[in-house]
Amino acid sequence: MHEDISIRQLGPADRDAFFALRLRGLKTHPAAFGQSYEEAIERGPSQHDSMLDGTHAASGSFLLGAWSSTDGALVGTVGLLRETRHKERHKGYVIGMYVADEAAGRGVGRALLTELLTRAAQIDGLRQVVLLVTSANGSARALYESLGFRVYGTEPDALCIDGVFHDADLMVRFV
């Protein structure tokens, strides 16, 4: 990662920057997200308030952001969402992984995921981190595999975008 990027947990003050970057990701890379651009607009930025308030970070639910120290822009995000059901509390889900096109190829995604995994390893009772990646997204899958994730299955037709179905690989990494 270049020294012009810093990673930190997002908070309430980051809401507008986070939502703007998320909308950008949803619009430009719809197959990378379960939520559509239209759904995000309809629900508004408040849908992320409980994750941004930070009260669940210690138990395993948080959002991270990658900031450019050159211009202060938010250029990448990723989150961890801890399962709340007792029988599944040993799992956390990677959510909202996105790096802006202008920051791609600079190690931002790797830095975000490395920080997420470092934090995940410190969460009491968390045993595994899981994610879904569109099967056609080879670069994202390669990044995940390089960080120790492995495919344990494929969900056929996991997403339908404008009438086109996309398979998704299910990946896991034990912490």
Protein backbone atom coordinates (compact mmCIF):
# COMPACT_ATOMS: atom_id res chain seq x y z
CA MET A 1 0.00 0.00 0.00
CA HIS A 2 1.20 3.49 -0.74
CA GLU A 3 1.83 5.82 2.16
CA ASP A 4 -0.73 8.25 0.75
CA ILE A 5 -3.60 6.06 2.05
CA SER A 6 -4.74 5.72 5.65
CA ILE A 7 -7.22 3.17 6.98
CA ARG A 8 -9.56 3.90 9.88
CA GLN A 9 -12.94 2.94 11.26
CA LEU A 10 -15.75 5.06 9.87
CA GLY A 11 -17.94 7.05 12.23
CA PRO A 12 -21.03 9.25 12.09
CA ALA A 13 -19.06 12.22 10.71
CA ASP A 14 -18.13 10.08 7.68
CA ARG A 15 -21.73 9.34 6.74
CA ASP A 16 -21.97 11.62 3.69
CA ALA A 17 -18.60 10.59 2.25
CA PHE A 18 -19.40 6.92 2.83
CA PHE A 19 -22.84 7.13 1.25
CA ALA A 20 -21.55 9.06 -1.78
CA LEU A 21 -18.81 6.47 -2.38
CA ARG A 22 -21.25 3.61 -1.87
CA LEU A 23 -23.67 5.09 -4.43
CA ARG A 24 -20.80 5.44 -6.86
CA GLY A 25 -19.88 1.79 -6.39
CA LEU A 26 -23.47 0.62 -6.73
CA LYS A 27 -23.86 2.55 -9.97
CA THR A 28 -20.53 1.65 -11.61
CA HIS A 29 -20.17 -1.96 -10.35
CA PRO A 30 -23.70 -3.29 -9.69
CA ALA A 31 -22.60 -6.95 -9.72
CA ALA A 32 -20.33 -6.32 -6.73
CA PHE A 33 -23.19 -5.59 -4.34
CA GLY A 34 -26.42 -7.23 -3.20
CA GLN A 35 -28.14 -3.86 -2.89
CA SER A 36 -29.12 -1.92 -6.01
CA TYR A 37 -28.46 1.77 -6.57
CA GLU A 38 -32.21 2.42 -6.56
CA GLU A 39 -32.69 0.60 -3.24
CA ALA A 40 -29.85 2.61 -1.69
CA ILE A 41 -31.37 5.91 -2.85
CA GLU A 42 -34.78 4.86 -1.53
CA ARG A 43 -33.42 3.86 1.90
CA GLY A 44 -31.09 6.86 2.16
CA PRO A 45 -27.88 7.31 4.13
CA SER A 46 -29.56 6.63 7.49
CA GLN A 47 -29.59 2.89 6.67
CA HIS A 48 -25.91 2.83 7.68
CA ASP A 49 -26.21 4.80 10.94
CA SER A 50 -26.13 1.78 13.26
CA MET A 51 -22.87 0.57 11.67
CA LEU A 52 -21.37 4.07 11.66
CA ASP A 53 -22.12 4.79 15.32
CA GLY A 54 -19.40 2.31 16.31
CA THR A 55 -21.20 0.81 19.31
CA HIS A 56 -20.97 -2.71 17.87
CA ALA A 57 -17.34 -2.53 16.71
CA ALA A 58 -15.93 -4.43 19.69
CA SER A 59 -18.44 -7.24 19.19
CA GLY A 60 -17.64 -7.48 15.47
CA SER A 61 -19.69 -5.09 13.34
CA PHE A 62 -17.88 -2.09 11.86
CA LEU A 63 -17.06 -0.19 8.69
CA LEU A 64 -13.55 0.77 7.60
CA GLY A 65 -12.54 3.45 5.15
CA ALA A 66 -9.42 4.13 3.11
CA TRP A 67 -8.62 7.83 2.90
CA SER A 68 -6.30 9.56 0.49
CA SER A 69 -3.90 11.77 2.42
CA THR A 70 -3.28 13.67 -0.81
CA ASP A 71 -6.79 15.15 -1.09
CA GLY A 72 -8.63 13.70 1.93
CA ALA A 73 -11.06 11.73 -0.23
CA LEU A 74 -12.59 8.44 0.83
CA VAL A 75 -11.40 5.97 -1.83
CA GLY A 76 -12.37 2.58 -0.40
CA THR A 77 -14.61 0.86 2.13
CA VAL A 78 -15.21 -2.54 3.65
CA GLY A 79 -17.26 -3.75 6.58
CA LEU A 80 -17.58 -6.71 8.89
CA LEU A 81 -21.04 -7.72 10.06
CA ARG A 82 -21.10 -10.16 12.97
CA GLU A 83 -23.82 -12.78 13.02
CA THR A 84 -26.11 -12.19 16.02
CA ARG A 85 -27.85 -15.56 16.33
CA HIS A 86 -26.28 -17.62 19.13
CA LYS A 87 -25.56 -20.70 17.04
CA GLU A 88 -23.84 -18.59 14.36
CA ARG A 89 -22.02 -15.91 16.38
CA HIS A 90 -18.72 -17.48 15.38
CA LYS A 91 -19.22 -15.98 11.88
CA GLY A 92 -18.66 -12.53 10.47
CA TYR A 93 -19.53 -11.39 6.95
CA VAL A 94 -17.44 -9.11 4.75
CA ILE A 95 -19.80 -6.45 3.39
CA GLY A 96 -19.57 -3.45 1.12
CA MET A 97 -16.06 -4.04 -0.23
CA TYR A 98 -15.35 -1.30 -2.76
CA VAL A 99 -12.34 0.62 -4.04
CA ALA A 100 -12.88 3.63 -6.30
CA ASP A 101 -11.58 3.16 -9.83
CA GLU A 102 -8.97 5.92 -9.43
CA ALA A 103 -7.47 4.08 -6.43
CA ALA A 104 -7.59 0.57 -7.93
CA GLY A 105 -4.30 -1.27 -8.26
CA ARG A 106 -2.63 0.67 -5.44
CA GLY A 107 -3.09 -1.90 -2.66
CA VAL A 108 -6.12 -0.18 -1.12
CA GLY A 109 -8.31 -3.30 -1.17
CA ARG A 110 -5.53 -5.40 0.35
CA ALA A 111 -4.96 -2.80 3.07
CA LEU A 112 -8.66 -2.62 3.91
CA LEU A 113 -9.03 -6.40 4.11
CA THR A 114 -5.81 -6.81 6.08
CA GLU A 115 -7.07 -4.33 8.67
CA LEU A 116 -10.47 -6.05 8.75
CA LEU A 117 -8.83 -9.45 9.34
CA THR A 118 -6.54 -8.02 12.02
CA ARG A 119 -9.55 -6.64 13.87
CA ALA A 120 -11.54 -9.85 13.31
CA ALA A 121 -8.77 -11.90 14.96
CA GLN A 122 -9.21 -9.81 18.13
CA ILE A 123 -12.98 -10.36 18.44
CA ASP A 124 -13.85 -12.84 21.15
CA GLY A 125 -15.61 -15.91 19.77
CA LEU A 126 -15.28 -14.98 16.10
CA ARG A 127 -13.96 -18.03 14.27
CA GLN A 128 -14.55 -17.40 10.58
CA VAL A 129 -15.03 -14.59 8.09
CA VAL A 130 -17.18 -15.32 5.04
CA LEU A 131 -17.98 -13.43 1.86
CA LEU A 132 -19.69 -13.67 -1.50
CA VAL A 133 -17.95 -12.61 -4.70
CA THR A 134 -19.44 -12.68 -8.16
CA SER A 135 -17.89 -15.67 -9.90
CA ALA A 136 -16.87 -13.53 -12.91
CA ASN A 137 -14.91 -11.09 -10.69
CA GLY A 138 -11.54 -12.80 -11.00
CA SER A 139 -9.47 -9.91 -9.65
CA ALA A 140 -11.48 -9.69 -6.41
CA ARG A 141 -11.41 -13.46 -6.00
CA ALA A 142 -7.62 -13.48 -6.51
CA LEU A 143 -7.23 -10.82 -3.81
CA TYR A 144 -9.39 -12.80 -1.39
CA GLU A 145 -7.49 -16.02 -2.10
CA SER A 146 -4.15 -14.25 -1.56
CA LEU A 147 -5.37 -13.31 1.92
CA GLY A 148 -6.33 -16.87 2.81
CA PHE A 149 -9.97 -17.09 1.76
CA ARG A 150 -11.03 -20.27 -0.02
CA VAL A 151 -14.09 -21.11 -2.09
CA TYR A 152 -16.46 -23.56 -0.42
CA GLY A 153 -19.29 -23.37 -2.88
CA THR A 154 -21.02 -21.48 -5.65
CA GLU A 155 -24.52 -20.05 -5.54
CA PRO A 156 -26.04 -20.23 -9.03
CA ASP A 157 -27.96 -17.14 -10.12
CA ALA A 158 -27.12 -15.35 -6.85
CA LEU A 159 -27.83 -11.89 -8.29
CA CYS A 160 -30.16 -10.72 -11.04
CA ILE A 161 -29.11 -7.40 -12.59
CA ASP A 162 -31.26 -6.04 -15.40
CA GLY A 163 -32.52 -9.53 -16.16
CA VAL A 164 -29.03 -11.08 -16.26
CA PHE A 165 -28.17 -13.68 -13.63
CA HIS A 166 -24.75 -13.85 -11.97
CA ASP A 167 -23.31 -16.74 -9.96
CA ALA A 168 -21.46 -15.99 -6.73
CA ASP A 169 -18.61 -17.86 -5.08
CA LEU A 170 -18.94 -18.39 -1.34
CA MET A 171 -15.58 -17.93 0.40
CA VAL A 172 -14.38 -18.46 3.97
CA ARG A 173 -11.27 -17.67 5.99
CA PHE A 174 -10.75 -18.94 9.51
CA VAL A 175 -9.26 -16.49 12.02
